[in-house]
Amino acid sequence: MPCCLFTYHAYGSWTPDRKQGYVKRHQGILQQDLQKHGL
C-alpha cells in the first residue's frame, strides 16, 4: 500500500502585523510593520 507525505510551504503567510515579525524574500525576518499592513 503506497503512502505519500506532501509538505506545503506557506511562503508569505506571516503578515507584517505579526508580533514576532514577518519574512520578505532576500531580506529575511523583518520587524513588525503596522503601517505596511494598513492598521
N, C-alpha and C. Protein backbone atom coordinates (compact mmCIF):
# COMPACT_ATOMS: atom_id res chain seq x y z
N MET A 1 0.85 -1.17 0.00
CA MET A 1 0.00 0.00 0.00
C MET A 1 0.90 1.24 0.00
N PRO A 2 0.86 2.04 -1.06
CA PRO A 2 1.70 3.25 -1.12
C PRO A 2 1.20 4.32 -0.14
N CYS A 3 2.15 5.03 0.38
CA CYS A 3 1.84 6.11 1.31
C CYS A 3 2.64 7.35 0.90
N CYS A 4 2.00 8.48 0.81
CA CYS A 4 2.67 9.72 0.39
C CYS A 4 2.52 10.79 1.47
N LEU A 5 3.55 11.61 1.59
CA LEU A 5 3.51 12.73 2.52
C LEU A 5 3.79 13.99 1.71
N PHE A 6 2.86 14.90 1.71
CA PHE A 6 3.02 16.15 0.99
C PHE A 6 3.28 17.27 1.99
N THR A 7 4.28 18.06 1.72
CA THR A 7 4.61 19.20 2.57
C THR A 7 4.44 20.47 1.76
N TYR A 8 3.65 21.37 2.25
CA TYR A 8 3.42 22.64 1.58
C TYR A 8 4.08 23.76 2.36
N HIS A 9 4.78 24.62 1.68
CA HIS A 9 5.40 25.77 2.31
C HIS A 9 4.46 26.96 2.15
N ALA A 10 4.26 27.66 3.20
CA ALA A 10 3.32 28.78 3.18
C ALA A 10 4.10 30.09 3.10
N TYR A 11 4.84 30.28 2.03
CA TYR A 11 5.62 31.49 1.85
C TYR A 11 4.68 32.70 1.85
N GLY A 12 5.02 33.69 2.64
CA GLY A 12 4.21 34.90 2.71
C GLY A 12 3.05 34.81 3.67
N SER A 13 3.00 33.76 4.47
CA SER A 13 1.88 33.62 5.40
C SER A 13 2.05 34.46 6.67
N TRP A 14 3.24 34.96 6.90
CA TRP A 14 3.47 35.86 8.04
C TRP A 14 3.23 37.28 7.56
N THR A 15 2.14 37.88 7.98
CA THR A 15 1.81 39.24 7.54
C THR A 15 2.61 40.26 8.35
N PRO A 16 2.79 41.48 7.83
CA PRO A 16 3.59 42.50 8.50
C PRO A 16 3.09 42.88 9.90
N ASP A 17 1.82 42.60 10.23
CA ASP A 17 1.32 42.95 11.55
C ASP A 17 1.63 41.87 12.60
N ARG A 18 2.30 40.82 12.21
CA ARG A 18 2.65 39.73 13.14
C ARG A 18 3.62 40.24 14.20
N LYS A 19 3.31 39.97 15.47
CA LYS A 19 4.09 40.49 16.59
C LYS A 19 5.57 40.09 16.50
N GLN A 20 5.87 38.87 16.08
CA GLN A 20 7.24 38.39 16.03
C GLN A 20 7.99 38.84 14.77
N GLY A 21 7.30 39.52 13.86
CA GLY A 21 7.90 39.97 12.62
C GLY A 21 7.39 39.14 11.44
N TYR A 22 7.92 39.40 10.28
CA TYR A 22 7.49 38.69 9.08
C TYR A 22 8.70 38.47 8.18
N VAL A 23 8.54 37.64 7.16
CA VAL A 23 9.65 37.29 6.28
C VAL A 23 9.43 37.91 4.91
N LYS A 24 10.49 38.48 4.35
CA LYS A 24 10.45 39.02 3.00
C LYS A 24 11.62 38.41 2.23
N ARG A 25 11.36 37.94 1.04
CA ARG A 25 12.37 37.26 0.23
C ARG A 25 13.62 38.12 0.08
N HIS A 26 14.76 37.51 0.25
CA HIS A 26 16.09 38.11 0.14
C HIS A 26 16.40 39.13 1.24
N GLN A 27 15.48 39.31 2.19
CA GLN A 27 15.72 40.24 3.29
C GLN A 27 15.66 39.55 4.64
N GLY A 28 15.07 38.37 4.71
CA GLY A 28 14.98 37.62 5.95
C GLY A 28 13.82 38.07 6.82
N ILE A 29 13.97 37.88 8.11
CA ILE A 29 12.92 38.23 9.06
C ILE A 29 12.99 39.73 9.37
N LEU A 30 11.87 40.41 9.18
CA LEU A 30 11.78 41.85 9.41
C LEU A 30 10.92 42.13 10.64
N GLN A 31 11.09 43.28 11.22
CA GLN A 31 10.32 43.69 12.39
C GLN A 31 8.86 43.94 12.01
N GLN A 32 7.99 43.88 13.00
CA GLN A 32 6.57 44.16 12.80
C GLN A 32 6.39 45.54 12.16
N ASP A 33 5.49 45.64 11.20
CA ASP A 33 5.24 46.90 10.50
C ASP A 33 3.74 47.10 10.33
N LEU A 34 3.13 47.82 11.28
CA LEU A 34 1.67 48.01 11.25
C LEU A 34 1.25 48.93 10.10
N GLN A 35 2.07 49.86 9.71
CA GLN A 35 1.71 50.77 8.60
C GLN A 35 1.63 50.01 7.27
N LYS A 36 2.56 49.12 7.05
CA LYS A 36 2.58 48.36 5.80
C LYS A 36 1.35 47.47 5.66
N HIS A 37 0.83 47.01 6.80
CA HIS A 37 -0.34 46.15 6.78
C HIS A 37 -1.63 46.96 6.71
N GLY A 38 -1.53 48.26 6.94
CA GLY A 38 -2.71 49.12 6.86
C GLY A 38 -3.50 49.20 8.14
N LEU A 39 -2.85 48.96 9.27
CA LEU A 39 -3.56 49.04 10.55
C LEU A 39 -3.31 50.37 11.22
